[in-house]
Amino acid sequence: FVNDTTGIVTARAITVTAATNTKTYDGDATAAALPAITSGSLAPGDSATWSATYNNKNAGTGKTLTPAGTVTDGNSGNNYAVTFVNDTTGIVTARAITVTAVSDTKEFDNTTISEGIPTLTAGVLQGSDSVTWTQAFDTADAGTGKALTPAGVVSDGNGGNNYSYTYLPNSTGVITALPIPATTSTLLLPSGSPAL
């Protein structure tokens, strides 16, 4: 018997296409929807692990989803010629958060500045995102039952646009009147006038 050494086994061609995916902003670019083989097939006994990622983590529509993965075929996947096809219908929706002002009392200082720090009362920030909340009185005038309005934008690498904000005011603010110190007056009498 004489062996022939000119045999050829060509790689099996398959096409893997990303699936559309919609998610709420979560601080990363991973997609839950798994790509699928849309042309060709795996040989019996082989298996594959597919995944997909968004082009970036930020909220938006028409986002590109890029598939990736490998075939387990006992040959480091080299038995396959894989063509990966992107999907451009990905959506990342803004994450809803609610920010609520807190009560504050201060003495009149002719500003609307409040030292109170609003609180996040619904939703959570994602990943390394951060924020500094502020709030302000409606006017600088003394009074009770004054409205305090929160403000602030999350630092998320996208101008804060990965979040949708609901700001809830607080109507229990108080600005107390500024006390005016009492002064004593001295009556000056002309020289030679009789004492009172």
Protein backbone atom coordinates (compact mmCIF):
# COMPACT_ATOMS: atom_id res chain seq x y z
CA PHE A 1 0.00 0.00 0.00
CA VAL A 2 1.28 3.45 -0.91
CA ASN A 3 -0.13 6.54 0.78
CA ASP A 4 -1.09 9.60 -1.16
CA THR A 5 -0.05 12.87 0.46
CA THR A 6 -1.95 15.27 -1.75
CA GLY A 7 -5.34 15.02 -0.04
CA ILE A 8 -7.03 18.31 0.87
CA VAL A 9 -9.66 19.03 3.51
CA THR A 10 -10.95 22.58 3.05
CA ALA A 11 -12.23 24.64 5.96
CA ARG A 12 -15.98 24.55 6.34
CA ALA A 13 -17.48 27.96 5.59
CA ILE A 14 -20.04 29.39 7.99
CA THR A 15 -21.54 32.84 8.43
CA VAL A 16 -22.33 34.12 11.92
CA THR A 17 -24.63 37.11 12.17
CA ALA A 18 -25.21 39.30 15.24
CA ALA A 19 -28.78 39.46 16.53
CA THR A 20 -30.55 42.73 17.26
CA ASN A 21 -30.45 43.63 20.94
CA THR A 22 -32.11 46.23 23.15
CA LYS A 23 -31.04 46.93 26.69
CA THR A 24 -31.06 49.65 29.32
CA TYR A 25 -27.74 51.40 29.84
CA ASP A 26 -25.67 49.33 32.29
CA GLY A 27 -22.20 50.79 31.94
CA ASP A 28 -20.78 48.18 29.56
CA ALA A 29 -21.00 47.19 25.91
CA THR A 30 -22.06 43.55 26.24
CA ALA A 31 -25.18 42.30 24.47
CA ALA A 32 -27.42 39.52 25.76
CA ALA A 33 -28.74 38.45 22.35
CA LEU A 34 -26.50 35.74 20.90
CA PRO A 35 -25.36 35.65 17.26
CA ALA A 36 -26.54 32.77 15.08
CA ILE A 37 -25.17 30.78 12.17
CA THR A 38 -27.02 32.15 9.16
CA SER A 39 -25.13 30.27 6.46
CA GLY A 40 -23.51 26.87 6.64
CA SER A 41 -23.53 24.59 9.66
CA LEU A 42 -21.30 22.95 12.20
CA ALA A 43 -20.12 19.44 11.52
CA PRO A 44 -21.53 16.74 13.82
CA GLY A 45 -19.81 16.75 17.21
CA ASP A 46 -18.50 20.31 16.94
CA SER A 47 -19.86 23.16 19.04
CA ALA A 48 -19.44 26.89 19.22
CA THR A 49 -19.70 29.77 21.69
CA TRP A 50 -20.87 33.07 20.22
CA SER A 51 -21.13 36.51 21.78
CA ALA A 52 -21.76 40.08 20.66
CA THR A 53 -20.83 43.57 21.81
CA TYR A 54 -22.13 47.05 21.08
CA ASN A 55 -19.75 49.50 19.42
CA ASN A 56 -19.83 51.41 22.72
CA LYS A 57 -21.70 51.44 26.02
CA ASN A 58 -23.60 54.69 25.48
CA ALA A 59 -27.35 55.13 25.04
CA GLY A 60 -28.54 55.43 21.46
CA THR A 61 -30.27 53.75 18.53
CA GLY A 62 -28.98 52.19 15.34
CA LYS A 63 -25.99 50.91 17.25
CA THR A 64 -23.61 48.38 15.74
CA LEU A 65 -23.50 44.91 17.29
CA THR A 66 -20.37 42.93 16.43
CA PRO A 67 -20.38 39.12 16.75
CA ALA A 68 -17.43 37.04 17.89
CA GLY A 69 -16.72 33.50 19.01
CA THR A 70 -14.91 30.27 18.40
CA VAL A 71 -15.74 26.75 17.28
CA THR A 72 -14.66 23.79 19.38
CA ASP A 73 -13.55 21.30 16.74
CA GLY A 74 -10.39 19.73 18.15
CA ASN A 75 -8.35 21.96 15.83
CA SER A 76 -8.58 25.35 17.55
CA GLY A 77 -11.45 26.31 15.28
CA ASN A 78 -9.27 26.07 12.18
CA ASN A 79 -11.62 23.61 10.52
CA TYR A 80 -13.95 26.56 9.84
CA ALA A 81 -13.76 29.72 7.77
CA VAL A 82 -16.02 32.04 9.73
CA THR A 83 -17.53 35.19 8.27
CA PHE A 84 -18.89 37.52 10.94
CA VAL A 85 -21.71 39.90 9.99
CA ASN A 86 -22.63 42.92 12.12
CA ASP A 87 -26.12 44.04 13.05
CA THR A 88 -26.82 47.79 13.02
CA THR A 89 -30.16 47.89 14.84
CA GLY A 90 -28.91 47.77 18.43
CA ILE A 91 -30.54 50.00 21.02
CA VAL A 92 -29.32 51.13 24.43
CA THR A 93 -31.99 53.09 26.30
CA ALA A 94 -31.18 55.72 28.91
CA ARG A 95 -31.40 54.53 32.51
CA ALA A 96 -34.13 56.30 34.51
CA ILE A 97 -33.20 57.87 37.83
CA THR A 98 -35.10 60.11 40.25
CA VAL A 99 -33.37 62.81 42.26
CA THR A 100 -35.21 64.34 45.21
CA ALA A 101 -34.36 67.57 47.03
CA VAL A 102 -34.06 67.51 50.82
CA SER A 103 -35.38 70.01 53.35
CA ASP A 104 -33.05 72.84 54.31
CA THR A 105 -33.15 75.80 56.66
CA LYS A 106 -30.79 78.73 56.54
CA GLU A 107 -30.53 82.35 57.58
CA PHE A 108 -31.10 84.99 54.90
CA ASP A 109 -27.88 85.64 52.97
CA ASN A 110 -29.33 87.15 49.77
CA THR A 111 -28.59 83.96 47.74
CA THR A 112 -30.62 80.93 46.71
CA ILE A 113 -27.79 78.55 47.61
CA SER A 114 -28.82 75.50 49.66
CA GLU A 115 -26.37 73.39 51.62
CA GLY A 116 -28.69 70.38 51.38
CA ILE A 117 -27.61 67.47 49.18
CA PRO A 118 -30.37 65.85 47.07
CA THR A 119 -30.69 62.08 47.19
CA LEU A 120 -31.14 59.43 44.52
CA THR A 121 -34.56 58.02 45.39
CA ALA A 122 -35.07 55.73 42.37
CA GLY A 123 -32.58 53.99 40.11
CA VAL A 124 -28.85 53.49 40.57
CA LEU A 125 -25.73 54.79 38.87
CA GLN A 126 -23.82 52.24 36.80
CA GLY A 127 -20.16 51.22 36.85
CA SER A 128 -17.78 54.07 37.64
CA ASP A 129 -20.32 56.80 36.87
CA SER A 130 -20.46 59.58 39.45
CA VAL A 131 -22.33 62.78 40.19
CA THR A 132 -22.49 65.76 42.52
CA TRP A 133 -26.09 66.78 43.17
CA THR A 134 -26.99 70.34 44.15
CA GLN A 135 -30.18 72.14 45.05
CA ALA A 136 -31.37 75.73 45.30
CA PHE A 137 -34.15 77.72 46.97
CA ASP A 138 -36.75 79.24 44.65
CA THR A 139 -35.88 82.78 45.79
CA ALA A 140 -33.39 84.38 48.16
CA ASP A 141 -36.17 85.93 50.27
CA ALA A 142 -36.95 84.90 53.83
CA GLY A 143 -39.96 82.67 54.24
CA THR A 144 -41.28 79.19 54.98
CA GLY A 145 -42.61 76.45 52.71
CA LYS A 146 -40.05 77.46 50.13
CA ALA A 147 -39.38 75.23 47.12
CA LEU A 148 -36.00 73.54 46.85
CA THR A 149 -35.14 72.29 43.37
CA PRO A 150 -32.45 69.63 42.74
CA ALA A 151 -30.01 69.62 39.83
CA GLY A 152 -26.99 67.78 38.52
CA VAL A 153 -25.74 65.67 35.60
CA VAL A 154 -24.02 62.29 35.87
CA SER A 155 -20.41 62.01 34.71
CA ASP A 156 -20.77 58.98 32.42
CA GLY A 157 -18.47 59.77 29.50
CA ASN A 158 -21.51 60.75 27.43
CA GLY A 159 -22.45 64.16 28.77
CA GLY A 160 -24.88 62.57 31.22
CA ASN A 161 -27.05 61.34 28.35
CA ASN A 162 -26.95 57.71 29.48
CA TYR A 163 -29.54 58.66 32.09
CA SER A 164 -33.03 60.13 31.99
CA TYR A 165 -33.66 62.38 34.97
CA THR A 166 -36.71 63.08 37.08
CA TYR A 167 -36.09 65.92 39.54
CA LEU A 168 -38.48 66.14 42.49
CA PRO A 169 -38.59 69.42 44.46
CA ASN A 170 -39.06 69.73 48.20
CA SER A 171 -41.46 72.37 49.52
CA THR A 172 -40.33 72.55 53.14
CA GLY A 173 -37.43 74.97 52.76
CA VAL A 174 -37.04 77.77 55.26
CA ILE A 175 -35.05 80.99 55.10
CA THR A 176 -35.12 82.88 58.37
CA ALA A 177 -34.90 86.65 58.55
CA LEU A 178 -31.49 88.07 59.28
CA PRO A 179 -31.48 89.58 62.80
CA ILE A 180 -30.58 93.25 62.95
CA PRO A 181 -28.52 94.05 66.06
CA ALA A 182 -30.15 96.55 68.41
CA THR A 183 -28.17 99.82 68.85
CA THR A 184 -28.30 102.45 71.60
CA SER A 185 -28.51 106.09 70.63
CA THR A 186 -26.98 108.95 72.63
CA LEU A 187 -28.74 112.28 72.68
CA LEU A 188 -26.23 115.11 72.39
CA LEU A 189 -27.27 118.37 73.99
CA PRO A 190 -25.92 121.78 73.13
CA SER A 191 -23.25 123.08 75.48
CA GLY A 192 -24.77 124.74 78.50
CA SER A 193 -28.13 123.04 78.13
CA PRO A 194 -29.64 121.69 81.35
CA ALA A 195 -29.38 117.95 81.76
CA LEU A 196 -32.56 116.00 81.13
